[in-house]
N, C-alpha and C. Protein backbone atom coordinates (compact mmCIF):
# COMPACT_ATOMS: atom_id res chain seq x y z
N MET A 1 121.63 89.01 89.29
CA MET A 1 120.09 89.52 89.39
C MET A 1 120.24 91.18 89.47
N ALA A 2 119.20 91.67 88.97
CA ALA A 2 119.12 93.22 89.19
C ALA A 2 118.67 93.50 90.46
N PRO A 3 119.19 94.71 91.19
CA PRO A 3 118.87 95.15 92.36
C PRO A 3 117.38 95.48 92.52
N ILE A 4 116.74 95.25 93.65
CA ILE A 4 115.40 95.49 94.03
C ILE A 4 115.28 97.09 93.92
N ARG A 5 114.25 97.57 93.25
CA ARG A 5 113.98 98.96 93.18
C ARG A 5 113.27 99.48 94.18
N VAL A 6 113.79 100.16 95.16
CA VAL A 6 113.03 100.68 96.45
C VAL A 6 112.34 102.06 96.25
N GLY A 7 111.06 102.36 96.67
CA GLY A 7 110.64 103.60 96.98
C GLY A 7 110.50 103.74 98.55
N LEU A 8 111.06 104.79 98.87
CA LEU A 8 111.22 105.12 100.43
C LEU A 8 110.23 106.11 100.94
N MET A 9 109.38 106.07 101.88
CA MET A 9 108.46 106.95 102.46
C MET A 9 108.99 107.42 103.73
N GLY A 10 109.15 108.65 104.01
CA GLY A 10 109.30 109.11 105.36
C GLY A 10 110.77 109.50 105.71
N LEU A 11 111.57 109.89 104.71
CA LEU A 11 112.96 110.21 104.78
C LEU A 11 113.10 111.53 105.09
N SER A 12 113.59 112.17 106.36
CA SER A 12 113.61 113.49 106.63
C SER A 12 115.04 113.93 106.26
N THR A 13 115.18 115.18 106.19
CA THR A 13 116.32 115.83 105.83
C THR A 13 117.58 115.74 106.87
N THR A 14 117.16 115.35 108.09
CA THR A 14 118.10 115.31 109.08
C THR A 14 118.68 113.99 109.36
N ASP A 15 119.77 113.75 110.03
CA ASP A 15 120.24 112.51 110.50
C ASP A 15 120.19 112.57 112.05
N GLY A 16 120.24 111.33 112.59
CA GLY A 16 120.04 111.34 114.02
C GLY A 16 119.07 110.53 114.48
N PHE A 17 118.64 110.44 115.81
CA PHE A 17 117.61 109.38 116.09
C PHE A 17 116.43 109.99 116.82
N SER A 18 116.30 111.41 116.43
CA SER A 18 114.95 112.11 117.08
C SER A 18 114.52 112.98 116.00
N GLY A 19 113.09 112.91 116.08
CA GLY A 19 112.29 113.76 115.19
C GLY A 19 111.95 113.00 114.04
N PRO A 20 110.73 113.48 113.28
CA PRO A 20 110.12 112.85 112.31
C PRO A 20 110.97 112.34 110.92
N GLY A 21 111.08 111.22 110.72
CA GLY A 21 111.82 110.83 109.67
C GLY A 21 113.24 110.30 109.85
N SER A 22 113.61 110.73 111.18
CA SER A 22 115.13 110.41 111.48
C SER A 22 115.34 109.09 111.56
N TRP A 23 114.34 108.15 111.77
CA TRP A 23 114.74 106.56 111.93
C TRP A 23 115.13 106.18 110.56
N ALA A 24 114.26 106.43 109.45
CA ALA A 24 114.47 106.17 108.06
C ALA A 24 116.05 106.63 107.64
N ALA A 25 116.33 107.99 108.23
CA ALA A 25 117.72 108.36 107.68
C ALA A 25 118.85 107.81 108.49
N SER A 26 118.53 107.38 109.76
CA SER A 26 119.75 106.69 110.73
C SER A 26 119.70 105.40 110.55
N THR A 27 118.74 104.58 109.98
CA THR A 27 118.90 103.06 109.92
C THR A 27 118.75 102.58 108.69
N HIS A 28 117.54 102.78 107.97
CA HIS A 28 117.17 102.25 106.72
C HIS A 28 117.88 102.79 105.47
N LEU A 29 118.16 104.08 105.49
CA LEU A 29 118.89 104.73 104.37
C LEU A 29 120.31 104.02 104.29
N PRO A 30 121.19 103.91 105.36
CA PRO A 30 122.38 103.22 105.37
C PRO A 30 122.34 102.14 104.83
N ALA A 31 121.47 101.17 105.30
CA ALA A 31 121.49 99.92 104.96
C ALA A 31 121.03 99.61 103.32
N LEU A 32 120.11 100.49 102.95
CA LEU A 32 119.86 100.22 101.58
C LEU A 32 120.79 100.91 100.55
N ILE A 33 121.46 101.79 100.94
CA ILE A 33 122.73 102.43 100.01
C ILE A 33 123.75 101.34 100.03
N GLN A 34 124.13 100.83 101.18
CA GLN A 34 125.41 99.93 101.16
C GLN A 34 125.09 98.70 100.63
N SER A 35 123.79 98.00 100.46
CA SER A 35 123.50 96.75 99.91
C SER A 35 123.51 96.98 98.43
N PRO A 36 124.17 95.72 97.66
CA PRO A 36 124.04 95.84 96.49
C PRO A 36 122.68 95.32 95.74
N GLU A 37 122.02 94.72 96.70
CA GLU A 37 120.76 94.01 96.58
C GLU A 37 119.28 95.01 96.33
N TYR A 38 119.66 96.33 96.74
CA TYR A 38 118.60 97.26 96.66
C TYR A 38 119.09 98.62 96.00
N LYS A 39 118.35 99.37 95.24
CA LYS A 39 118.52 100.58 94.74
C LYS A 39 117.36 101.61 95.02
N ILE A 40 117.61 102.54 95.73
CA ILE A 40 116.56 103.70 96.12
C ILE A 40 116.30 104.39 94.73
N VAL A 41 115.17 104.34 94.08
CA VAL A 41 114.79 104.94 92.85
C VAL A 41 113.66 106.15 93.18
N ALA A 42 113.09 106.05 94.13
CA ALA A 42 111.88 106.98 94.46
C ALA A 42 111.81 107.41 96.06
N LEU A 43 111.43 108.55 96.19
CA LEU A 43 111.12 108.99 97.60
C LEU A 43 109.93 109.56 97.72
N ALA A 44 109.12 109.44 98.81
CA ALA A 44 107.71 110.02 98.91
C ALA A 44 107.78 110.64 100.29
N ASN A 45 107.47 111.85 100.28
CA ASN A 45 107.29 112.61 101.70
C ASN A 45 105.79 113.36 101.72
N SER A 46 105.73 114.30 102.38
CA SER A 46 104.19 114.89 102.48
C SER A 46 104.12 115.76 101.21
N THR A 47 105.04 116.22 100.78
CA THR A 47 105.08 117.13 99.47
C THR A 47 106.24 116.71 98.59
N VAL A 48 106.10 116.94 97.22
CA VAL A 48 107.27 116.77 96.37
C VAL A 48 108.25 117.53 96.55
N LYS A 49 108.27 118.81 97.20
CA LYS A 49 109.52 119.67 97.44
C LYS A 49 110.20 119.17 98.67
N SER A 50 109.38 118.50 99.63
CA SER A 50 109.89 117.96 100.97
C SER A 50 110.84 116.75 100.35
N ALA A 51 110.22 116.03 99.48
CA ALA A 51 110.89 114.85 98.89
C ALA A 51 112.33 115.28 98.07
N GLN A 52 112.15 116.18 97.41
CA GLN A 52 113.37 116.80 96.55
C GLN A 52 114.27 117.30 97.49
N ARG A 53 113.97 117.82 98.62
CA ARG A 53 115.18 118.41 99.69
C ARG A 53 115.56 117.18 100.31
N SER A 54 114.90 116.01 100.63
CA SER A 54 115.61 114.93 101.35
C SER A 54 116.61 114.14 100.38
N ILE A 55 116.16 114.40 99.01
CA ILE A 55 116.95 113.67 97.93
C ILE A 55 118.36 114.46 98.00
N ALA A 56 118.18 115.60 98.07
CA ALA A 56 119.36 116.40 97.93
C ALA A 56 120.20 116.51 99.33
N ALA A 57 119.42 116.44 100.26
CA ALA A 57 120.34 116.43 101.66
C ALA A 57 120.99 115.09 101.89
N HIS A 58 120.32 113.98 101.36
CA HIS A 58 121.17 112.72 101.53
C HIS A 58 121.87 112.23 100.41
N ARG A 59 122.00 113.26 99.26
CA ARG A 59 122.91 112.84 98.16
C ARG A 59 122.48 111.62 97.29
N LEU A 60 121.35 111.70 97.14
CA LEU A 60 120.79 110.36 96.50
C LEU A 60 120.97 110.81 94.98
N PRO A 61 120.98 109.84 93.99
CA PRO A 61 121.24 110.19 92.57
C PRO A 61 120.20 111.13 92.29
N PRO A 62 120.49 111.89 91.22
CA PRO A 62 119.58 112.76 90.71
C PRO A 62 118.30 112.21 90.00
N SER A 63 118.64 110.96 89.68
CA SER A 63 117.48 110.08 88.92
C SER A 63 116.51 109.64 89.87
N THR A 64 116.70 109.85 91.23
CA THR A 64 115.66 109.55 92.25
C THR A 64 114.34 110.25 92.03
N LYS A 65 113.34 109.57 91.88
CA LYS A 65 112.16 110.49 91.61
C LYS A 65 111.54 110.85 92.88
N ALA A 66 110.85 112.06 92.92
CA ALA A 66 110.27 112.58 94.09
C ALA A 66 108.74 112.82 94.09
N TYR A 67 108.30 112.19 95.26
CA TYR A 67 106.56 112.10 95.18
C TYR A 67 106.09 112.77 96.43
N GLY A 68 104.85 113.28 96.41
CA GLY A 68 104.10 113.95 97.41
C GLY A 68 103.05 113.05 97.93
N SER A 69 102.99 112.01 97.51
CA SER A 69 101.69 110.87 97.92
C SER A 69 102.08 109.57 97.99
N ALA A 70 101.45 108.90 98.70
CA ALA A 70 101.68 107.49 98.66
C ALA A 70 101.21 106.65 97.61
N THR A 71 100.17 107.30 97.03
CA THR A 71 99.34 106.87 95.72
C THR A 71 100.47 107.16 94.45
N ASP A 72 100.91 108.30 94.42
CA ASP A 72 101.98 108.60 93.50
C ASP A 72 103.18 107.52 93.46
N ILE A 73 103.75 107.21 94.39
CA ILE A 73 105.03 106.36 94.47
C ILE A 73 104.51 105.00 94.27
N ALA A 74 103.34 104.61 94.72
CA ALA A 74 102.83 103.12 94.39
C ALA A 74 102.54 102.98 92.90
N ASN A 75 102.26 104.10 92.30
CA ASN A 75 101.99 104.09 90.80
C ASN A 75 103.11 103.76 89.83
N ASP A 76 104.28 104.21 90.49
CA ASP A 76 105.31 104.26 89.72
C ASP A 76 105.89 102.86 89.44
N THR A 77 105.87 102.45 88.13
CA THR A 77 106.14 100.93 87.53
C THR A 77 107.52 100.69 87.76
N ASN A 78 108.48 101.46 88.12
CA ASN A 78 110.13 101.40 88.50
C ASN A 78 110.16 101.17 89.91
N VAL A 79 109.10 101.10 90.64
CA VAL A 79 109.26 100.73 92.03
C VAL A 79 108.92 99.16 92.23
N ASP A 80 109.76 98.51 93.01
CA ASP A 80 109.40 97.13 93.29
C ASP A 80 108.89 96.99 94.67
N LEU A 81 109.60 97.69 95.43
CA LEU A 81 109.34 97.73 96.93
C LEU A 81 109.18 98.95 97.57
N ILE A 82 108.27 99.04 98.51
CA ILE A 82 107.86 100.27 99.20
C ILE A 82 108.35 100.24 100.67
N VAL A 83 108.99 101.03 101.03
CA VAL A 83 109.58 100.84 102.58
C VAL A 83 108.83 102.37 103.19
N VAL A 84 107.92 101.95 104.27
CA VAL A 84 107.17 102.92 105.02
C VAL A 84 107.73 103.11 106.31
N SER A 85 108.46 104.22 106.51
CA SER A 85 109.01 104.41 107.78
C SER A 85 108.57 105.76 108.42
N LEU A 86 107.23 105.58 108.91
CA LEU A 86 106.40 106.75 109.69
C LEU A 86 105.78 106.34 110.74
N HIS A 87 104.97 107.16 111.41
CA HIS A 87 104.31 106.84 112.70
C HIS A 87 103.33 105.60 112.42
N VAL A 88 103.37 104.71 113.48
CA VAL A 88 102.38 103.69 113.26
C VAL A 88 100.93 103.88 112.78
N GLN A 89 100.51 105.11 113.20
CA GLN A 89 99.09 105.45 112.89
C GLN A 89 98.95 105.75 111.52
N LYS A 90 99.76 106.00 110.84
CA LYS A 90 99.85 106.33 109.20
C LYS A 90 100.44 105.00 108.50
N HIS A 91 100.78 103.91 108.95
CA HIS A 91 101.03 102.68 108.22
C HIS A 91 100.08 102.30 107.28
N PHE A 92 98.84 102.12 107.57
CA PHE A 92 97.89 101.60 106.57
C PHE A 92 97.51 102.57 105.70
N LYS A 93 97.40 103.66 105.97
CA LYS A 93 97.09 104.75 105.11
C LYS A 93 98.17 104.87 103.88
N LEU A 94 99.43 104.97 104.27
CA LEU A 94 100.42 104.78 103.40
C LEU A 94 100.89 103.74 102.73
N ALA A 95 100.76 102.41 103.31
CA ALA A 95 101.00 101.18 102.73
C ALA A 95 99.91 100.74 101.63
N ASN A 96 98.69 101.09 101.96
CA ASN A 96 97.69 100.37 101.32
C ASN A 96 97.77 100.79 99.85
N PRO A 97 98.19 101.97 99.28
CA PRO A 97 97.95 102.23 97.70
C PRO A 97 99.10 101.08 97.21
N ALA A 98 100.25 100.93 97.89
CA ALA A 98 101.21 100.06 97.37
C ALA A 98 100.74 98.64 97.29
N LEU A 99 99.97 98.12 98.41
CA LEU A 99 99.51 96.90 98.45
C LEU A 99 98.49 96.72 97.40
N LEU A 100 97.77 97.67 97.07
CA LEU A 100 96.64 97.43 95.93
C LEU A 100 97.44 97.46 94.52
N GLN A 101 98.52 98.15 94.58
CA GLN A 101 99.35 97.89 93.29
C GLN A 101 100.11 96.51 93.28
N ARG A 102 99.94 95.92 94.22
CA ARG A 102 100.61 94.50 94.35
C ARG A 102 102.00 94.58 94.56
N LYS A 103 102.46 95.59 94.97
CA LYS A 103 103.89 95.98 95.54
C LYS A 103 104.25 95.29 96.69
N LYS A 104 105.53 94.85 96.94
CA LYS A 104 106.00 94.33 98.03
C LYS A 104 106.20 95.53 99.08
N GLY A 105 106.15 95.29 100.23
CA GLY A 105 106.31 96.42 101.30
C GLY A 105 106.76 95.94 102.44
N PHE A 106 107.76 96.85 102.96
CA PHE A 106 108.59 96.73 104.40
C PHE A 106 107.96 97.78 105.14
N ILE A 107 107.11 97.54 106.22
CA ILE A 107 106.67 98.69 107.04
C ILE A 107 107.04 98.40 108.33
N GLU A 108 107.79 99.49 108.84
CA GLU A 108 108.30 99.28 110.32
C GLU A 108 107.64 100.22 111.16
């Protein structure tokens, strides 16, 4: 079976357990990278440039798409699952576009 194609929201350029986006970098990213069941294909941050910096900082494949909005990553037909790893107050706003596109979501 082909791996589930993941779009990740909220990945910072830093490692560790403090600061915005660090939880995704410290926990979700290693688990997703190590599992043969998932493939990170897209990343969304507050801007495309921020997403591009995170892709480079974490050495994700150059084919990983960078997005600057929840709507843009949700509209990517090559994304099966959206992982939202941001502040609780932002969960609905960021997960809703994916849900409207009938994508699966993991919101932590």
